[in-house]
Amino acid sequence: MPRIFDNIDQQLLPALRETLELSTRSDFCVGYFNPRGWRQIDSYIDQWTGGENHCCRLLIGMPKRPQDELLRALSLSGQDGNIDNQTAVRIKKKLAEELREQLAKLAPVLRGSGRP
């Protein structure tokens, strides 16, 4: 059963630790991920062997990109929201670079928790 944690009346961390202690896998979907918070639960997940039923999956939401906002604004104004191939390639490269930077920032945190 899904539960909502507001960290006022319902604290997430104690409930999460209690659940992870009894679990062999986890699936998280979050709107924002702060790698420093991972250190609060990594010891539970480090014990899992990995693979299909003994792993942690983490889906992280992303804020709207300025490009998306611009395209939406153009479509609302009646202008054509399509972009040319050169712009599409530039945007893809920028997104790949942003993801690479996020992963580079996360890598030391994961390495520090005993992960390869």
PDB file of N, CA and C in Angstrom:
ATOM      1  N   MET A   1       0.845  -1.179   0.000  1.00  0.00           N
ATOM      2  CA  MET A   1       0.000   0.000   0.000  1.00  0.00           C
ATOM      3  C   MET A   1       0.885   1.234   0.000  1.00  0.00           C
ATOM      4  N   PRO A   2       0.722   2.143  -0.956  1.00  0.00           N
ATOM      5  CA  PRO A   2       1.521   3.369  -0.983  1.00  0.00           C
ATOM      6  C   PRO A   2       1.250   4.241   0.243  1.00  0.00           C
ATOM      7  N   ARG A   3       2.305   4.899   0.702  1.00  0.00           N
ATOM      8  CA  ARG A   3       2.168   5.833   1.812  1.00  0.00           C
ATOM      9  C   ARG A   3       2.814   7.146   1.409  1.00  0.00           C
ATOM     10  N   ILE A   4       2.312   8.228   1.944  1.00  0.00           N
ATOM     11  CA  ILE A   4       2.859   9.554   1.670  1.00  0.00           C
ATOM     12  C   ILE A   4       3.582  10.036   2.918  1.00  0.00           C
ATOM     13  N   PHE A   5       4.819  10.460   2.722  1.00  0.00           N
ATOM     14  CA  PHE A   5       5.635  10.944   3.834  1.00  0.00           C
ATOM     15  C   PHE A   5       5.858  12.435   3.659  1.00  0.00           C
ATOM     16  N   ASP A   6       5.514  13.195   4.668  1.00  0.00           N
ATOM     17  CA  ASP A   6       5.697  14.645   4.613  1.00  0.00           C
ATOM     18  C   ASP A   6       6.875  15.109   5.483  1.00  0.00           C
ATOM     19  N   ASN A   7       7.490  14.185   6.200  1.00  0.00           N
ATOM     20  CA  ASN A   7       8.592  14.467   7.122  1.00  0.00           C
ATOM     21  C   ASN A   7       8.213  15.456   8.216  1.00  0.00           C
ATOM     22  N   ILE A   8       6.915  15.603   8.440  1.00  0.00           N
ATOM     23  CA  ILE A   8       6.417  16.381   9.575  1.00  0.00           C
ATOM     24  C   ILE A   8       5.724  15.408  10.510  1.00  0.00           C
ATOM     25  N   ASP A   9       4.609  14.852  10.045  1.00  0.00           N
ATOM     26  CA  ASP A   9       3.912  13.826  10.826  1.00  0.00           C
ATOM     27  C   ASP A   9       4.419  12.431  10.495  1.00  0.00           C
ATOM     28  N   GLN A  10       4.793  12.215   9.261  1.00  0.00           N
ATOM     29  CA  GLN A  10       5.288  10.920   8.794  1.00  0.00           C
ATOM     30  C   GLN A  10       6.741  11.080   8.344  1.00  0.00           C
ATOM     31  N   GLN A  11       7.666  10.485   9.090  1.00  0.00           N
ATOM     32  CA  GLN A  11       9.087  10.561   8.757  1.00  0.00           C
ATOM     33  C   GLN A  11       9.459   9.450   7.780  1.00  0.00           C
ATOM     34  N   LEU A  12      10.113   9.797   6.684  1.00  0.00           N
ATOM     35  CA  LEU A  12      10.470   8.819   5.657  1.00  0.00           C
ATOM     36  C   LEU A  12      11.617   7.912   6.085  1.00  0.00           C
ATOM     37  N   LEU A  13      12.698   8.470   6.575  1.00  0.00           N
ATOM     38  CA  LEU A  13      13.902   7.677   6.818  1.00  0.00           C
ATOM     39  C   LEU A  13      13.691   6.484   7.750  1.00  0.00           C
ATOM     40  N   PRO A  14      13.065   6.631   8.908  1.00  0.00           N
ATOM     41  CA  PRO A  14      12.867   5.455   9.766  1.00  0.00           C
ATOM     42  C   PRO A  14      12.006   4.375   9.099  1.00  0.00           C
ATOM     43  N   ALA A  15      10.968   4.791   8.408  1.00  0.00           N
ATOM     44  CA  ALA A  15      10.108   3.820   7.724  1.00  0.00           C
ATOM     45  C   ALA A  15      10.849   3.147   6.577  1.00  0.00           C
ATOM     46  N   LEU A  16      11.666   3.897   5.881  1.00  0.00           N
ATOM     47  CA  LEU A  16      12.439   3.346   4.769  1.00  0.00           C
ATOM     48  C   LEU A  16      13.464   2.334   5.273  1.00  0.00           C
ATOM     49  N   ARG A  17      14.159   2.668   6.330  1.00  0.00           N
ATOM     50  CA  ARG A  17      15.133   1.728   6.901  1.00  0.00           C
ATOM     51  C   ARG A  17      14.451   0.452   7.378  1.00  0.00           C
ATOM     52  N   GLU A  18      13.320   0.595   8.024  1.00  0.00           N
ATOM     53  CA  GLU A  18      12.575  -0.570   8.505  1.00  0.00           C
ATOM     54  C   GLU A  18      12.160  -1.466   7.337  1.00  0.00           C
ATOM     55  N   THR A  19      11.707  -0.866   6.280  1.00  0.00           N
ATOM     56  CA  THR A  19      11.288  -1.632   5.102  1.00  0.00           C
ATOM     57  C   THR A  19      12.479  -2.298   4.427  1.00  0.00           C
ATOM     58  N   LEU A  20      13.576  -1.568   4.261  1.00  0.00           N
ATOM     59  CA  LEU A  20      14.765  -2.122   3.603  1.00  0.00           C
ATOM     60  C   LEU A  20      15.374  -3.267   4.407  1.00  0.00           C
ATOM     61  N   GLU A  21      15.254  -3.202   5.695  1.00  0.00           N
ATOM     62  CA  GLU A  21      15.794  -4.263   6.551  1.00  0.00           C
ATOM     63  C   GLU A  21      15.122  -5.606   6.261  1.00  0.00           C
ATOM     64  N   LEU A  22      13.870  -5.569   5.837  1.00  0.00           N
ATOM     65  CA  LEU A  22      13.106  -6.778   5.555  1.00  0.00           C
ATOM     66  C   LEU A  22      13.075  -7.132   4.074  1.00  0.00           C
ATOM     67  N   SER A  23      13.750  -6.335   3.244  1.00  0.00           N
ATOM     68  CA  SER A  23      13.640  -6.478   1.792  1.00  0.00           C
ATOM     69  C   SER A  23      14.885  -7.080   1.168  1.00  0.00           C
ATOM     70  N   THR A  24      14.718  -7.584  -0.054  1.00  0.00           N
ATOM     71  CA  THR A  24      15.846  -8.074  -0.848  1.00  0.00           C
ATOM     72  C   THR A  24      15.970  -7.305  -2.151  1.00  0.00           C
ATOM     73  N   ARG A  25      15.073  -6.385  -2.406  1.00  0.00           N
ATOM     74  CA  ARG A  25      15.117  -5.526  -3.588  1.00  0.00           C
ATOM     75  C   ARG A  25      14.276  -4.284  -3.326  1.00  0.00           C
ATOM     76  N   SER A  26      14.489  -3.259  -4.143  1.00  0.00           N
ATOM     77  CA  SER A  26      13.679  -2.052  -3.988  1.00  0.00           C
ATOM     78  C   SER A  26      13.564  -1.334  -5.325  1.00  0.00           C
ATOM     79  N   ASP A  27      12.470  -0.638  -5.469  1.00  0.00           N
ATOM     80  CA  ASP A  27      12.223   0.218  -6.628  1.00  0.00           C
ATOM     81  C   ASP A  27      11.805   1.580  -6.098  1.00  0.00           C
ATOM     82  N   PHE A  28      12.552   2.605  -6.463  1.00  0.00           N
ATOM     83  CA  PHE A  28      12.243   3.957  -6.026  1.00  0.00           C
ATOM     84  C   PHE A  28      11.938   4.832  -7.227  1.00  0.00           C
ATOM     85  N   CYS A  29      10.986   5.691  -7.078  1.00  0.00           N
ATOM     86  CA  CYS A  29      10.681   6.712  -8.074  1.00  0.00           C
ATOM     87  C   CYS A  29      10.638   8.032  -7.323  1.00  0.00           C
ATOM     88  N   VAL A  30      11.583   8.910  -7.633  1.00  0.00           N
ATOM     89  CA  VAL A  30      11.684  10.171  -6.903  1.00  0.00           C
ATOM     90  C   VAL A  30      11.718  11.341  -7.876  1.00  0.00           C
ATOM     91  N   GLY A  31      11.266  12.482  -7.423  1.00  0.00           N
ATOM     92  CA  GLY A  31      11.311  13.674  -8.250  1.00  0.00           C
ATOM     93  C   GLY A  31      12.674  14.332  -8.204  1.00  0.00           C
ATOM     94  N   TYR A  32      13.403  14.133  -7.127  1.00  0.00           N
ATOM     95  CA  TYR A  32      14.714  14.740  -6.946  1.00  0.00           C
ATOM     96  C   TYR A  32      15.570  13.752  -6.178  1.00  0.00           C
ATOM     97  N   PHE A  33      16.858  13.693  -6.500  1.00  0.00           N
ATOM     98  CA  PHE A  33      17.758  12.769  -5.828  1.00  0.00           C
ATOM     99  C   PHE A  33      18.987  13.520  -5.356  1.00  0.00           C
ATOM    100  N   ASN A  34      19.241  13.463  -4.067  1.00  0.00           N
ATOM    101  CA  ASN A  34      20.436  14.058  -3.497  1.00  0.00           C
ATOM    102  C   ASN A  34      21.345  12.912  -3.076  1.00  0.00           C
ATOM    103  N   PRO A  35      22.505  12.759  -3.714  1.00  0.00           N
ATOM    104  CA  PRO A  35      23.397  11.635  -3.394  1.00  0.00           C
ATOM    105  C   PRO A  35      23.784  11.539  -1.925  1.00  0.00           C
ATOM    106  N   ARG A  36      23.816  12.670  -1.221  1.00  0.00           N
ATOM    107  CA  ARG A  36      24.170  12.625   0.208  1.00  0.00           C
ATOM    108  C   ARG A  36      23.145  11.826   0.997  1.00  0.00           C
ATOM    109  N   GLY A  37      21.890  11.856   0.569  1.00  0.00           N
ATOM    110  CA  GLY A  37      20.849  11.090   1.241  1.00  0.00           C
ATOM    111  C   GLY A  37      21.018   9.587   1.073  1.00  0.00           C
ATOM    112  N   TRP A  38      21.673   9.198  -0.019  1.00  0.00           N
ATOM    113  CA  TRP A  38      21.893   7.770  -0.283  1.00  0.00           C
ATOM    114  C   TRP A  38      22.683   7.124   0.842  1.00  0.00           C
ATOM    115  N   ARG A  39      23.573   7.877   1.444  1.00  0.00           N
ATOM    116  CA  ARG A  39      24.409   7.346   2.529  1.00  0.00           C
ATOM    117  C   ARG A  39      23.570   6.893   3.725  1.00  0.00           C
ATOM    118  N   GLN A  40      22.360   7.397   3.833  1.00  0.00           N
ATOM    119  CA  GLN A  40      21.485   7.029   4.944  1.00  0.00           C
ATOM    120  C   GLN A  40      20.920   5.618   4.792  1.00  0.00           C
ATOM    121  N   ILE A  41      20.934   5.077   3.554  1.00  0.00           N
ATOM    122  CA  ILE A  41      20.329   3.750   3.325  1.00  0.00           C
ATOM    123  C   ILE A  41      21.250   2.770   2.601  1.00  0.00           C
ATOM    124  N   ASP A  42      22.428   3.211   2.177  1.00  0.00           N
ATOM    125  CA  ASP A  42      23.275   2.349   1.351  1.00  0.00           C
ATOM    126  C   ASP A  42      23.709   1.058   2.043  1.00  0.00           C
ATOM    127  N   SER A  43      23.842   1.066   3.352  1.00  0.00           N
ATOM    128  CA  SER A  43      24.286  -0.145   4.054  1.00  0.00           C
ATOM    129  C   SER A  43      23.264  -1.274   3.928  1.00  0.00           C
ATOM    130  N   TYR A  44      21.996  -0.927   3.795  1.00  0.00           N
ATOM    131  CA  TYR A  44      20.967  -1.956   3.618  1.00  0.00           C
ATOM    132  C   TYR A  44      21.052  -2.555   2.219  1.00  0.00           C
ATOM    133  N   ILE A  45      21.262  -1.716   1.234  1.00  0.00           N
ATOM    134  CA  ILE A  45      21.276  -2.148  -0.155  1.00  0.00           C
ATOM    135  C   ILE A  45      22.580  -2.848  -0.510  1.00  0.00           C
ATOM    136  N   ASP A  46      23.676  -2.451   0.116  1.00  0.00           N
ATOM    137  CA  ASP A  46      24.976  -3.089  -0.143  1.00  0.00           C
ATOM    138  C   ASP A  46      24.943  -4.585   0.152  1.00  0.00           C
ATOM    139  N   GLN A  47      24.060  -5.029   1.008  1.00  0.00           N
ATOM    140  CA  GLN A  47      23.985  -6.440   1.390  1.00  0.00           C
ATOM    141  C   GLN A  47      23.344  -7.306   0.308  1.00  0.00           C
ATOM    142  N   TRP A  48      22.624  -6.693  -0.618  1.00  0.00           N
ATOM    143  CA  TRP A  48      21.942  -7.466  -1.658  1.00  0.00           C
ATOM    144  C   TRP A  48      22.943  -7.942  -2.701  1.00  0.00           C
ATOM    145  N   THR A  49      22.685  -9.103  -3.269  1.00  0.00           N
ATOM    146  CA  THR A  49      23.625  -9.728  -4.194  1.00  0.00           C
ATOM    147  C   THR A  49      23.576  -9.163  -5.598  1.00  0.00           C
ATOM    148  N   GLY A  50      22.535  -8.446  -5.948  1.00  0.00           N
ATOM    149  CA  GLY A  50      22.395  -7.912  -7.298  1.00  0.00           C
ATOM    150  C   GLY A  50      21.581  -8.861  -8.156  1.00  0.00           C
ATOM    151  N   GLY A  51      21.334  -8.482  -9.370  1.00  0.00           N
ATOM    152  CA  GLY A  51      20.517  -9.307 -10.254  1.00  0.00           C
ATOM    153  C   GLY A  51      19.052  -8.942 -10.142  1.00  0.00           C
ATOM    154  N   GLU A  52      18.238  -9.625 -10.890  1.00  0.00           N
ATOM    155  CA  GLU A  52      16.811  -9.318 -11.040  1.00  0.00           C
ATOM    156  C   GLU A  52      16.059  -9.113  -9.731  1.00  0.00           C
ATOM    157  N   ASN A  53      16.210 -10.001  -8.783  1.00  0.00           N
ATOM    158  CA  ASN A  53      15.398  -9.933  -7.562  1.00  0.00           C
ATOM    159  C   ASN A  53      16.179  -9.537  -6.312  1.00  0.00           C
ATOM    160  N   HIS A  54      17.373  -9.021  -6.499  1.00  0.00           N
ATOM    161  CA  HIS A  54      18.198  -8.632  -5.346  1.00  0.00           C
ATOM    162  C   HIS A  54      18.937  -7.331  -5.642  1.00  0.00           C
ATOM    163  N   CYS A  55      18.183  -6.325  -6.116  1.00  0.00           N
ATOM    164  CA  CYS A  55      18.816  -5.083  -6.545  1.00  0.00           C
ATOM    165  C   CYS A  55      17.959  -3.883  -6.155  1.00  0.00           C
ATOM    166  N   CYS A  56      18.501  -2.723  -6.377  1.00  0.00           N
ATOM    167  CA  CYS A  56      17.784  -1.479  -6.166  1.00  0.00           C
ATOM    168  C   CYS A  56      17.679  -0.760  -7.502  1.00  0.00           C
ATOM    169  N   ARG A  57      16.475  -0.385  -7.866  1.00  0.00           N
ATOM    170  CA  ARG A  57      16.262   0.401  -9.082  1.00  0.00           C
ATOM    171  C   ARG A  57      15.778   1.783  -8.662  1.00  0.00           C
ATOM    172  N   LEU A  58      16.340   2.797  -9.288  1.00  0.00           N
ATOM    173  CA  LEU A  58      16.052   4.172  -8.916  1.00  0.00           C
ATOM    174  C   LEU A  58      15.689   4.958 -10.175  1.00  0.00           C
ATOM    175  N   LEU A  59      14.472   5.460 -10.222  1.00  0.00           N
ATOM    176  CA  LEU A  59      14.005   6.297 -11.321  1.00  0.00           C
ATOM    177  C   LEU A  59      13.925   7.725 -10.800  1.00  0.00           C
ATOM    178  N   ILE A  60      14.674   8.617 -11.446  1.00  0.00           N
ATOM    179  CA  ILE A  60      14.758   9.998 -10.985  1.00  0.00           C
ATOM    180  C   ILE A  60      14.062  10.901 -11.989  1.00  0.00           C
ATOM    181  N   GLY A  61      13.119  11.693 -11.509  1.00  0.00           N
ATOM    182  CA  GLY A  61      12.442  12.655 -12.370  1.00  0.00           C
ATOM    183  C   GLY A  61      13.368  13.801 -12.717  1.00  0.00           C
ATOM    184  N   MET A  62      13.039  14.476 -13.769  1.00  0.00           N
ATOM    185  CA  MET A  62      13.863  15.596 -14.211  1.00  0.00           C
ATOM    186  C   MET A  62      12.988  16.843 -14.301  1.00  0.00           C
ATOM    187  N   PRO A  63      13.527  17.997 -13.929  1.00  0.00           N
ATOM    188  CA  PRO A  63      12.760  19.228 -14.109  1.00  0.00           C
ATOM    189  C   PRO A  63      12.608  19.523 -15.592  1.00  0.00           C
ATOM    190  N   LYS A  64      11.639  20.319 -15.922  1.00  0.00           N
ATOM    191  CA  LYS A  64      11.447  20.694 -17.325  1.00  0.00           C
ATOM    192  C   LYS A  64      12.652  21.480 -17.804  1.00  0.00           C
ATOM    193  N   ARG A  65      13.064  21.166 -18.998  1.00  0.00           N
ATOM    194  CA  ARG A  65      14.208  21.843 -19.595  1.00  0.00           C
ATOM    195  C   ARG A  65      13.748  23.145 -20.246  1.00  0.00           C
ATOM    196  N   PRO A  66      14.624  24.122 -20.326  1.00  0.00           N
ATOM    197  CA  PRO A  66      14.258  25.380 -20.981  1.00  0.00           C
ATOM    198  C   PRO A  66      13.789  25.167 -22.418  1.00  0.00           C
ATOM    199  N   GLN A  67      14.386  24.208 -23.121  1.00  0.00           N
ATOM    200  CA  GLN A  67      13.992  23.936 -24.499  1.00  0.00           C
ATOM    201  C   GLN A  67      12.531  23.501 -24.568  1.00  0.00           C
ATOM    202  N   ASP A  68      12.122  22.652 -23.618  1.00  0.00           N
ATOM    203  CA  ASP A  68      10.739  22.184 -23.599  1.00  0.00           C
ATOM    204  C   ASP A  68       9.777  23.330 -23.320  1.00  0.00           C
ATOM    205  N   GLU A  69      10.179  24.188 -22.405  1.00  0.00           N
ATOM    206  CA  GLU A  69       9.341  25.342 -22.086  1.00  0.00           C
ATOM    207  C   GLU A  69       9.199  26.259 -23.294  1.00  0.00           C
ATOM    208  N   LEU A  70      10.299  26.468 -24.022  1.00  0.00           N
ATOM    209  CA  LEU A  70      10.259  27.313 -25.209  1.00  0.00           C
ATOM    210  C   LEU A  70       9.341  26.711 -26.269  1.00  0.00           C
ATOM    211  N   LEU A  71       9.485  25.413 -26.521  1.00  0.00           N
ATOM    212  CA  LEU A  71       8.636  24.758 -27.515  1.00  0.00           C
ATOM    213  C   LEU A  71       7.170  24.825 -27.126  1.00  0.00           C
ATOM    214  N   ARG A  72       6.892  24.654 -25.844  1.00  0.00           N
ATOM    215  CA  ARG A  72       5.510  24.748 -25.379  1.00  0.00           C
ATOM    216  C   ARG A  72       4.976  26.160 -25.577  1.00  0.00           C
ATOM    217  N   ALA A  73       5.783  27.143 -25.247  1.00  0.00           N
ATOM    218  CA  ALA A  73       5.367  28.536 -25.420  1.00  0.00           C
ATOM    219  C   ALA A  73       5.115  28.853 -26.890  1.00  0.00           C
ATOM    220  N   LEU A  74       5.985  28.347 -27.778  1.00  0.00           N
ATOM    221  CA  LEU A  74       5.799  28.585 -29.205  1.00  0.00           C
ATOM    222  C   LEU A  74       4.512  27.944 -29.711  1.00  0.00           C
ATOM    223  N   SER A  75       4.226  26.742 -29.246  1.00  0.00           N
ATOM    224  CA  SER A  75       3.013  26.057 -29.716  1.00  0.00           C
ATOM    225  C   SER A  75       1.764  26.769 -29.192  1.00  0.00           C
ATOM    226  N   LEU A  76       1.818  27.329 -27.994  1.00  0.00           N
ATOM    227  CA  LEU A  76       0.676  28.065 -27.459  1.00  0.00           C
ATOM    228  C   LEU A  76       0.458  29.386 -28.185  1.00  0.00           C
ATOM    229  N   SER A  77       1.546  29.950 -28.716  1.00  0.00           N
ATOM    230  CA  SER A  77       1.439  31.230 -29.402  1.00  0.00           C
ATOM    231  C   SER A  77       1.020  31.064 -30.859  1.00  0.00           C
ATOM    232  N   GLY A  78       0.845  29.808 -31.291  1.00  0.00           N
ATOM    233  CA  GLY A  78       0.442  29.565 -32.670  1.00  0.00           C
ATOM    234  C   GLY A  78       1.613  29.382 -33.610  1.00  0.00           C
ATOM    235  N   GLN A  79       2.826  29.562 -33.133  1.00  0.00           N
ATOM    236  CA  GLN A  79       4.000  29.344 -33.973  1.00  0.00           C
ATOM    237  C   GLN A  79       4.297  27.855 -34.034  1.00  0.00           C
ATOM    238  N   ASP A  80       4.995  27.464 -35.071  1.00  0.00           N
ATOM    239  CA  ASP A  80       5.357  26.065 -35.249  1.00  0.00           C
ATOM    240  C   ASP A  80       6.371  25.666 -34.174  1.00  0.00           C
ATOM    241  N   GLY A  81       6.070  24.633 -33.403  1.00  0.00           N
ATOM    242  CA  GLY A  81       6.952  24.185 -32.331  1.00  0.00           C
ATOM    243  C   GLY A  81       8.004  23.203 -32.790  1.00  0.00           C
ATOM    244  N   ASN A  82       8.061  22.899 -34.088  1.00  0.00           N
ATOM    245  CA  ASN A  82       9.055  21.963 -34.603  1.00  0.00           C
ATOM    246  C   ASN A  82      10.438  22.598 -34.584  1.00  0.00           C
ATOM    247  N   ILE A  83      11.454  21.769 -34.460  1.00  0.00           N
ATOM    248  CA  ILE A  83      12.824  22.255 -34.482  1.00  0.00           C
ATOM    249  C   ILE A  83      13.571  21.551 -35.602  1.00  0.00           C
ATOM    250  N   ASP A  84      14.617  22.171 -36.089  1.00  0.00           N
ATOM    251  CA  ASP A  84      15.395  21.569 -37.172  1.00  0.00           C
ATOM    252  C   ASP A  84      16.348  20.527 -36.610  1.00  0.00           C
ATOM    253  N   ASN A  85      16.931  19.714 -37.495  1.00  0.00           N
ATOM    254  CA  ASN A  85      17.820  18.623 -37.074  1.00  0.00           C
ATOM    255  C   ASN A  85      19.042  19.131 -36.324  1.00  0.00           C
ATOM    256  N   GLN A  86      19.602  20.239 -36.769  1.00  0.00           N
ATOM    257  CA  GLN A  86      20.792  20.781 -36.107  1.00  0.00           C
ATOM    258  C   GLN A  86      20.480  21.154 -34.654  1.00  0.00           C
ATOM    259  N   THR A  87      19.331  21.764 -34.429  1.00  0.00           N
ATOM    260  CA  THR A  87      18.924  22.129 -33.075  1.00  0.00           C
ATOM    261  C   THR A  87      18.663  20.879 -32.243  1.00  0.00           C
ATOM    262  N   ALA A  88      18.003  19.889 -32.847  1.00  0.00           N
ATOM    263  CA  ALA A  88      17.721  18.637 -32.132  1.00  0.00           C
ATOM    264  C   ALA A  88      19.011  17.959 -31.701  1.00  0.00           C
ATOM    265  N   VAL A  89      20.009  17.913 -32.585  1.00  0.00           N
ATOM    266  CA  VAL A  89      21.296  17.299 -32.251  1.00  0.00           C
ATOM    267  C   VAL A  89      21.975  18.079 -31.132  1.00  0.00           C
ATOM    268  N   ARG A  90      21.936  19.404 -31.203  1.00  0.00           N
ATOM    269  CA  ARG A  90      22.550  20.241 -30.165  1.00  0.00           C
ATOM    270  C   ARG A  90      21.893  19.988 -28.804  1.00  0.00           C
ATOM    271  N   ILE A  91      20.566  19.892 -28.793  1.00  0.00           N
ATOM    272  CA  ILE A  91      19.840  19.646 -27.548  1.00  0.00           C
ATOM    273  C   ILE A  91      20.179  18.267 -26.989  1.00  0.00           C
ATOM    274  N   LYS A  92      20.242  17.247 -27.860  1.00  0.00           N
ATOM    275  CA  LYS A  92      20.596  15.893 -27.414  1.00  0.00           C
ATOM    276  C   LYS A  92      21.990  15.866 -26.789  1.00  0.00           C
ATOM    277  N   LYS A  93      22.930  16.552 -27.429  1.00  0.00           N
ATOM    278  CA  LYS A  93      24.295  16.591 -26.888  1.00  0.00           C
ATOM    279  C   LYS A  93      24.316  17.277 -25.529  1.00  0.00           C
ATOM    280  N   LYS A  94      23.566  18.364 -25.406  1.00  0.00           N
ATOM    281  CA  LYS A  94      23.512  19.081 -24.138  1.00  0.00           C
ATOM    282  C   LYS A  94      22.907  18.201 -23.045  1.00  0.00           C
ATOM    283  N   LEU A  95      21.844  17.482 -23.373  1.00  0.00           N
ATOM    284  CA  LEU A  95      21.225  16.591 -22.392  1.00  0.00           C
ATOM    285  C   LEU A  95      22.177  15.474 -21.980  1.00  0.00           C
ATOM    286  N   ALA A  96      22.896  14.903 -22.942  1.00  0.00           N
ATOM    287  CA  ALA A  96      23.866  13.849 -22.631  1.00  0.00           C
ATOM    288  C   ALA A  96      24.966  14.390 -21.716  1.00  0.00           C
ATOM    289  N   GLU A  97      25.409  15.606 -21.979  1.00  0.00           N
ATOM    290  CA  GLU A  97      26.436  16.224 -21.141  1.00  0.00           C
ATOM    291  C   GLU A  97      25.917  16.463 -19.721  1.00  0.00           C
ATOM    292  N   GLU A  98      24.682  16.936 -19.603  1.00  0.00           N
ATOM    293  CA  GLU A  98      24.095  17.157 -18.283  1.00  0.00           C
ATOM    294  C   GLU A  98      23.989  15.846 -17.508  1.00  0.00           C
ATOM    295  N   LEU A  99      23.585  14.769 -18.176  1.00  0.00           N
ATOM    296  CA  LEU A  99      23.490  13.471 -17.519  1.00  0.00           C
ATOM    297  C   LEU A  99      24.873  12.984 -17.094  1.00  0.00           C
ATOM    298  N   ARG A 100      25.882  13.169 -17.976  1.00  0.00           N
ATOM    299  CA  ARG A 100      27.242  12.763 -17.646  1.00  0.00           C
ATOM    300  C   ARG A 100      27.734  13.498 -16.398  1.00  0.00           C
ATOM    301  N   GLU A 101      27.448  14.791 -16.318  1.00  0.00           N
ATOM    302  CA  GLU A 101      27.853  15.579 -15.149  1.00  0.00           C
ATOM    303  C   GLU A 101      27.168  15.086 -13.880  1.00  0.00           C
ATOM    304  N   GLN A 102      25.883  14.761 -13.978  1.00  0.00           N
ATOM    305  CA  GLN A 102      25.159  14.247 -12.810  1.00  0.00           C
ATOM    306  C   GLN A 102      25.755  12.926 -12.344  1.00  0.00           C
ATOM    307  N   LEU A 103      26.051  12.034 -13.294  1.00  0.00           N
ATOM    308  CA  LEU A 103      26.620  10.735 -12.932  1.00  0.00           C
ATOM    309  C   LEU A 103      28.029  10.892 -12.369  1.00  0.00           C
ATOM    310  N   ALA A 104      28.797  11.836 -12.904  1.00  0.00           N
ATOM    311  CA  ALA A 104      30.143  12.068 -12.388  1.00  0.00           C
ATOM    312  C   ALA A 104      30.093  12.550 -10.945  1.00  0.00           C
ATOM    313  N   LYS A 105      29.114  13.358 -10.615  1.00  0.00           N
ATOM    314  CA  LYS A 105      28.959  13.834  -9.240  1.00  0.00           C
ATOM    315  C   LYS A 105      28.515  12.707  -8.316  1.00  0.00           C
ATOM    316  N   LEU A 106      27.736  11.774  -8.851  1.00  0.00           N
ATOM    317  CA  LEU A 106      27.205  10.672  -8.051  1.00  0.00           C
ATOM    318  C   LEU A 106      28.246   9.588  -7.822  1.00  0.00           C
ATOM    319  N   ALA A 107      29.154   9.360  -8.772  1.00  0.00           N
ATOM    320  CA  ALA A 107      30.117   8.264  -8.693  1.00  0.00           C
ATOM    321  C   ALA A 107      30.929   8.252  -7.397  1.00  0.00           C
ATOM    322  N   PRO A 108      31.497   9.378  -6.952  1.00  0.00           N
ATOM    323  CA  PRO A 108      32.264   9.332  -5.693  1.00  0.00           C
ATOM    324  C   PRO A 108      31.416   8.948  -4.488  1.00  0.00           C
ATOM    325  N   VAL A 109      30.159   9.324  -4.499  1.00  0.00           N
ATOM    326  CA  VAL A 109      29.269   8.978  -3.384  1.00  0.00           C
ATOM    327  C   VAL A 109      29.057   7.481  -3.345  1.00  0.00           C
ATOM    328  N   LEU A 110      28.814   6.881  -4.513  1.00  0.00           N
ATOM    329  CA  LEU A 110      28.594   5.443  -4.576  1.00  0.00           C
ATOM    330  C   LEU A 110      29.878   4.685  -4.262  1.00  0.00           C
ATOM    331  N   ARG A 111      31.006   5.168  -4.755  1.00  0.00           N
ATOM    332  CA  ARG A 111      32.271   4.514  -4.436  1.00  0.00           C
ATOM    333  C   ARG A 111      32.553   4.570  -2.944  1.00  0.00           C
ATOM    334  N   GLY A 112      32.195   5.679  -2.314  1.00  0.00           N
ATOM    335  CA  GLY A 112      32.431   5.838  -0.881  1.00  0.00           C
ATOM    336  C   GLY A 112      31.544   4.939  -0.040  1.00  0.00           C
ATOM    337  N   SER A 113      30.481   4.392  -0.637  1.00  0.00           N
ATOM    338  CA  SER A 113      29.583   3.529   0.114  1.00  0.00           C
ATOM    339  C   SER A 113      29.928   2.063  -0.046  1.00  0.00           C
ATOM    340  N   GLY A 114      31.076   1.773  -0.665  1.00  0.00           N
ATOM    341  CA  GLY A 114      31.481   0.385  -0.828  1.00  0.00           C
ATOM    342  C   GLY A 114      31.060  -0.198  -2.164  1.00  0.00           C
ATOM    343  N   ARG A 115      30.421   0.564  -3.009  1.00  0.00           N
ATOM    344  CA  ARG A 115      30.045   0.091  -4.347  1.00  0.00           C
ATOM    345  C   ARG A 115      31.213   0.271  -5.300  1.00  0.00           C
ATOM    346  N   PRO A 116      31.288  -0.568  -6.360  1.00  0.00           N
ATOM    347  CA  PRO A 116      32.395  -0.432  -7.335  1.00  0.00           C
ATOM    348  C   PRO A 116      32.279   0.844  -8.132  1.00  0.00           C
TER     349      PRO A 116
END
